[in-house]
C-alpha atoms as a PDB file:
ATOM      1  CA  MET A   1       0.000   0.000   0.000  1.00  0.00           C
ATOM      2  CA  ALA A   2       2.800   2.439   0.890  1.00  0.00           C
ATOM      3  CA  ALA A   3       4.675   1.821  -2.353  1.00  0.00           C
ATOM      4  CA  ARG A   4       1.523   2.196  -4.474  1.00  0.00           C
ATOM      5  CA  SER A   5       0.502   5.384  -2.674  1.00  0.00           C
ATOM      6  CA  ALA A   6       3.959   6.956  -2.909  1.00  0.00           C
ATOM      7  CA  SER A   7       4.199   6.044  -6.601  1.00  0.00           C
ATOM      8  CA  ALA A   8       0.782   7.585  -7.233  1.00  0.00           C
ATOM      9  CA  ALA A   9       1.952  10.808  -5.575  1.00  0.00           C
ATOM     10  CA  PHE A  10       5.076  10.910  -7.748  1.00  0.00           C
ATOM     11  CA  ASN A  11       3.041  10.288 -10.880  1.00  0.00           C
ATOM     12  CA  ALA A  12       0.652  13.126  -9.990  1.00  0.00           C
ATOM     13  CA  SER A  13       3.579  15.533  -9.677  1.00  0.00           C
ATOM     14  CA  PRO A  14       6.157  16.920 -12.100  1.00  0.00           C
ATOM     15  CA  HIS A  15       8.675  14.543 -10.484  1.00  0.00           C
ATOM     16  CA  ALA A  16       7.299  11.320 -12.018  1.00  0.00           C
ATOM     17  CA  GLY A  17      10.516  10.915 -14.015  1.00  0.00           C
ATOM     18  CA  LEU A  18      12.439  10.221 -10.818  1.00  0.00           C
ATOM     19  CA  LEU A  19      10.724   6.830 -10.593  1.00  0.00           C
ATOM     20  CA  SER A  20      12.340   5.672 -13.830  1.00  0.00           C
ATOM     21  CA  GLY A  21      15.809   6.959 -12.995  1.00  0.00           C
ATOM     22  CA  SER A  22      18.922   4.811 -12.978  1.00  0.00           C
ATOM     23  CA  PHE A  23      19.097   4.975  -9.189  1.00  0.00           C
ATOM     24  CA  SER A  24      17.122   3.612  -6.256  1.00  0.00           C
ATOM     25  CA  LEU A  25      14.801   6.113  -4.655  1.00  0.00           C
ATOM     26  CA  GLU A  26      13.760   5.382  -1.104  1.00  0.00           C
ATOM     27  CA  LEU A  27      11.398   6.824   1.454  1.00  0.00           C
ATOM     28  CA  SER A  28      10.350   5.338   4.757  1.00  0.00           C
ATOM     29  CA  VAL A  29       6.831   5.061   6.122  1.00  0.00           C
ATOM     30  CA  LYS A  30       6.320   4.352   9.804  1.00  0.00           C
ATOM     31  CA  LEU A  31       2.995   3.632  11.462  1.00  0.00           C
ATOM     32  CA  SER A  32       3.471   4.934  14.986  1.00  0.00           C
ATOM     33  CA  ASP A  33       1.241   6.035  17.840  1.00  0.00           C
ATOM     34  CA  ASN A  34      -0.180   9.363  18.919  1.00  0.00           C
ATOM     35  CA  ALA A  35       2.359   9.786  21.727  1.00  0.00           C
ATOM     36  CA  GLU A  36       5.373   9.609  19.409  1.00  0.00           C
ATOM     37  CA  VAL A  37       3.780  11.791  16.730  1.00  0.00           C
ATOM     38  CA  HIS A  38       2.729  14.301  19.406  1.00  0.00           C
ATOM     39  CA  SER A  39       6.323  14.468  20.639  1.00  0.00           C
ATOM     40  CA  LEU A  40       7.715  14.894  17.109  1.00  0.00           C
ATOM     41  CA  ASN A  41       5.092  17.498  16.218  1.00  0.00           C
ATOM     42  CA  LYS A  42       6.012  19.494  19.312  1.00  0.00           C
ATOM     43  CA  ALA A  43       9.767  19.167  18.792  1.00  0.00           C
ATOM     44  CA  TYR A  44       9.889  19.890  15.057  1.00  0.00           C
ATOM     45  CA  ARG A  45       6.817  22.002  14.354  1.00  0.00           C
ATOM     46  CA  GLY A  46       6.167  23.670  17.715  1.00  0.00           C
ATOM     47  CA  LYS A  47       2.645  22.197  17.829  1.00  0.00           C
ATOM     48  CA  ASP A  48       1.798  20.563  21.158  1.00  0.00           C
ATOM     49  CA  LYS A  49      -0.658  17.972  19.846  1.00  0.00           C
ATOM     50  CA  PRO A  50      -0.712  14.805  17.790  1.00  0.00           C
ATOM     51  CA  THR A  51      -1.434  14.995  14.096  1.00  0.00           C
ATOM     52  CA  ASN A  52      -2.224  12.373  11.485  1.00  0.00           C
ATOM     53  CA  VAL A  53       0.965  12.529   9.393  1.00  0.00           C
ATOM     54  CA  LEU A  54       4.387  14.131   9.582  1.00  0.00           C
ATOM     55  CA  SER A  55       6.933  14.284   6.782  1.00  0.00           C
ATOM     56  CA  PHE A  56      10.653  14.809   7.177  1.00  0.00           C
ATOM     57  CA  PRO A  57      12.309  15.562   3.821  1.00  0.00           C
ATOM     58  CA  GLN A  58      15.958  14.625   3.353  1.00  0.00           C
ATOM     59  CA  VAL A  59      16.298  16.493   0.050  1.00  0.00           C
ATOM     60  CA  GLN A  60      15.510  20.147  -0.550  1.00  0.00           C
ATOM     61  CA  ALA A  61      12.750  20.551  -3.104  1.00  0.00           C
ATOM     62  CA  ASP A  62      14.981  22.585  -5.430  1.00  0.00           C
ATOM     63  CA  LEU A  63      17.522  19.742  -5.481  1.00  0.00           C
ATOM     64  CA  LEU A  64      15.131  16.887  -6.345  1.00  0.00           C
ATOM     65  CA  GLU A  65      16.113  16.846 -10.006  1.00  0.00           C
ATOM     66  CA  THR A  66      19.776  16.388  -9.054  1.00  0.00           C
ATOM     67  CA  LEU A  67      19.098  13.031  -7.370  1.00  0.00           C
ATOM     68  CA  ALA A  68      20.256  11.196 -10.496  1.00  0.00           C
ATOM     69  CA  ASN A  69      23.780  12.386  -9.663  1.00  0.00           C
ATOM     70  CA  THR A  70      23.958  10.235  -6.538  1.00  0.00           C
ATOM     71  CA  ASP A  71      27.373   8.646  -5.936  1.00  0.00           C
ATOM     72  CA  ASP A  72      26.142   5.253  -4.752  1.00  0.00           C
ATOM     73  CA  GLY A  73      23.037   4.826  -6.904  1.00  0.00           C
ATOM     74  CA  GLU A  74      20.671   5.383  -3.984  1.00  0.00           C
ATOM     75  CA  ALA A  75      18.776   8.426  -2.774  1.00  0.00           C
ATOM     76  CA  LEU A  76      16.798   8.769   0.450  1.00  0.00           C
ATOM     77  CA  LEU A  77      13.897  11.146  -0.094  1.00  0.00           C
ATOM     78  CA  GLY A  78      12.758  11.277   3.544  1.00  0.00           C
ATOM     79  CA  ASP A  79      10.488   9.856   6.217  1.00  0.00           C
ATOM     80  CA  ILE A  80       6.727   9.781   6.702  1.00  0.00           C
ATOM     81  CA  ILE A  81       5.280   9.009  10.133  1.00  0.00           C
ATOM     82  CA  LEU A  82       1.594   8.231  10.696  1.00  0.00           C
ATOM     83  CA  ALA A  83      -0.213   8.267  14.053  1.00  0.00           C
ATOM     84  CA  PHE A  84      -2.307   5.098  14.166  1.00  0.00           C
ATOM     85  CA  GLU A  85      -4.941   6.300  16.653  1.00  0.00           C
ATOM     86  CA  THR A  86      -5.477   9.617  14.879  1.00  0.00           C
ATOM     87  CA  CYS A  87      -5.658   7.931  11.458  1.00  0.00           C
ATOM     88  CA  HIS A  88      -8.086   5.320  12.779  1.00  0.00           C
ATOM     89  CA  ASP A  89     -10.298   7.929  14.463  1.00  0.00           C
ATOM     90  CA  GLU A  90     -10.360  10.144  11.353  1.00  0.00           C
ATOM     91  CA  ALA A  91     -11.267   7.221   9.093  1.00  0.00           C
ATOM     92  CA  SER A  92     -14.073   6.256  11.476  1.00  0.00           C
ATOM     93  CA  GLN A  93     -15.387   9.825  11.662  1.00  0.00           C
ATOM     94  CA  LYS A  94     -15.327  10.134   7.872  1.00  0.00           C
ATOM     95  CA  THR A  95     -16.793   6.632   7.498  1.00  0.00           C
ATOM     96  CA  ILE A  96     -14.130   5.645   4.996  1.00  0.00           C
ATOM     97  CA  PRO A  97     -11.943   2.539   4.973  1.00  0.00           C
ATOM     98  CA  PHE A  98      -8.845   2.848   7.136  1.00  0.00           C
ATOM     99  CA  SER A  99      -6.684   1.693   4.210  1.00  0.00           C
ATOM    100  CA  ASP A 100      -8.069   4.488   1.983  1.00  0.00           C
ATOM    101  CA  HIS A 101      -7.316   7.102   4.619  1.00  0.00           C
ATOM    102  CA  VAL A 102      -3.806   5.781   5.207  1.00  0.00           C
ATOM    103  CA  SER A 103      -3.205   5.746   1.436  1.00  0.00           C
ATOM    104  CA  HIS A 104      -4.356   9.366   1.290  1.00  0.00           C
ATOM    105  CA  LEU A 105      -2.003  10.350   4.096  1.00  0.00           C
ATOM    106  CA  ILE A 106       0.929   8.569   2.441  1.00  0.00           C
ATOM    107  CA  VAL A 107       0.172  10.447  -0.791  1.00  0.00           C
ATOM    108  CA  HIS A 108      -0.041  13.666   1.253  1.00  0.00           C
ATOM    109  CA  GLY A 109       3.223  12.921   3.058  1.00  0.00           C
ATOM    110  CA  THR A 110       5.011  11.993  -0.152  1.00  0.00           C
ATOM    111  CA  LEU A 111       3.942  15.264  -1.750  1.00  0.00           C
ATOM    112  CA  HIS A 112       5.447  17.081   1.247  1.00  0.00           C
ATOM    113  CA  LEU A 113       8.696  15.202   0.595  1.00  0.00           C
ATOM    114  CA  LEU A 114       8.483  16.456  -2.993  1.00  0.00           C
ATOM    115  CA  GLY A 115       8.259  20.063  -1.811  1.00  0.00           C
ATOM    116  CA  TYR A 116       4.503  20.598  -1.753  1.00  0.00           C
ATOM    117  CA  ASP A 117       2.919  22.482   1.124  1.00  0.00           C
ATOM    118  CA  HIS A 118      -0.386  24.016   2.179  1.00  0.00           C
ATOM    119  CA  GLU A 119       0.656  27.139   4.045  1.00  0.00           C
ATOM    120  CA  ASN A 120      -1.612  29.371   1.955  1.00  0.00           C
ATOM    121  CA  ASN A 121      -4.776  28.873  -0.101  1.00  0.00           C
ATOM    122  CA  ALA A 122      -3.010  28.670  -3.468  1.00  0.00           C
ATOM    123  CA  GLU A 123      -0.508  26.055  -2.233  1.00  0.00           C
ATOM    124  CA  ALA A 124      -3.302  24.107  -0.536  1.00  0.00           C
ATOM    125  CA  ALA A 125      -5.444  24.057  -3.676  1.00  0.00           C
ATOM    126  CA  HIS A 126      -2.514  22.883  -5.814  1.00  0.00           C
ATOM    127  CA  MET A 127      -1.516  20.179  -3.325  1.00  0.00           C
ATOM    128  CA  GLU A 128      -5.122  18.992  -2.919  1.00  0.00           C
ATOM    129  CA  GLN A 129      -5.476  18.702  -6.699  1.00  0.00           C
ATOM    130  CA  CYS A 130      -2.331  16.562  -6.878  1.00  0.00           C
ATOM    131  CA  GLU A 131      -3.637  14.407  -4.018  1.00  0.00           C
ATOM    132  CA  THR A 132      -7.023  14.005  -5.691  1.00  0.00           C
ATOM    133  CA  ASN A 133      -5.372  13.028  -8.983  1.00  0.00           C
ATOM    134  CA  ALA A 134      -3.092  10.506  -7.250  1.00  0.00           C
ATOM    135  CA  LEU A 135      -5.926   8.994  -5.239  1.00  0.00           C
ATOM    136  CA  ALA A 136      -8.106   8.633  -8.342  1.00  0.00           C
ATOM    137  CA  THR A 137      -5.446   6.362  -9.854  1.00  0.00           C
ATOM    138  CA  LEU A 138      -5.762   4.206  -6.723  1.00  0.00           C
ATOM    139  CA  GLY A 139      -9.560   4.079  -6.961  1.00  0.00           C
ATOM    140  CA  ILE A 140      -9.981   6.291  -3.880  1.00  0.00           C
ATOM    141  CA  ALA A 141     -12.621   9.029  -3.816  1.00  0.00           C
ATOM    142  CA  ASN A 142     -11.716  12.700  -3.497  1.00  0.00           C
ATOM    143  CA  PRO A 143     -11.256  13.296   0.259  1.00  0.00           C
ATOM    144  CA  TYR A 144     -11.858  17.024  -0.238  1.00  0.00           C
ATOM    145  CA  ALA A 145     -15.186  16.707  -2.028  1.00  0.00           C
ATOM    146  CA  GLU A 146     -17.153  18.001   0.954  1.00  0.00           C
ATOM    147  CA  THR A 147     -14.529  20.276   2.474  1.00  0.00           C
ATOM    148  CA  THR A 148     -11.867  22.772   1.470  1.00  0.00           C
ATOM    149  CA  GLN A 149      -9.787  22.235   4.598  1.00  0.00           C
ATOM    150  CA  SER A 150      -6.337  20.658   4.184  1.00  0.00           C
ATOM    151  CA  GLU A 151      -5.190  17.891   6.491  1.00  0.00           C
END
């Protein structure tokens, strides 16, 4: 599921070509708990609460296209950490399958690793469109159909 979701995010972005490069591209996905995600959110984002997904890029967005120049044939894009309880609760509240919600959050997290953000309305709209496009290729309905709020 993680590999399919991450690939869908790449393919919905201008960085799809990185998937067919002559190097190995890696990202990690960890399913954790609210306590760990709360701690990370506080330490790295200054937000004293758990959240559903955190992304920790290892490559600056403006350097993504230089990944093909890796010395050892491998490139680590970054880490995505999901809070199980928060993800489970959100899926239940939205009455959607847990796997669909987790796929959405992996797409969302991967797009963050690719330099996308949602700090303003224009960025949020662009990121949400990429997410919606990626999720459609996975057979997952638009999670923003009834709302304009970013996760």
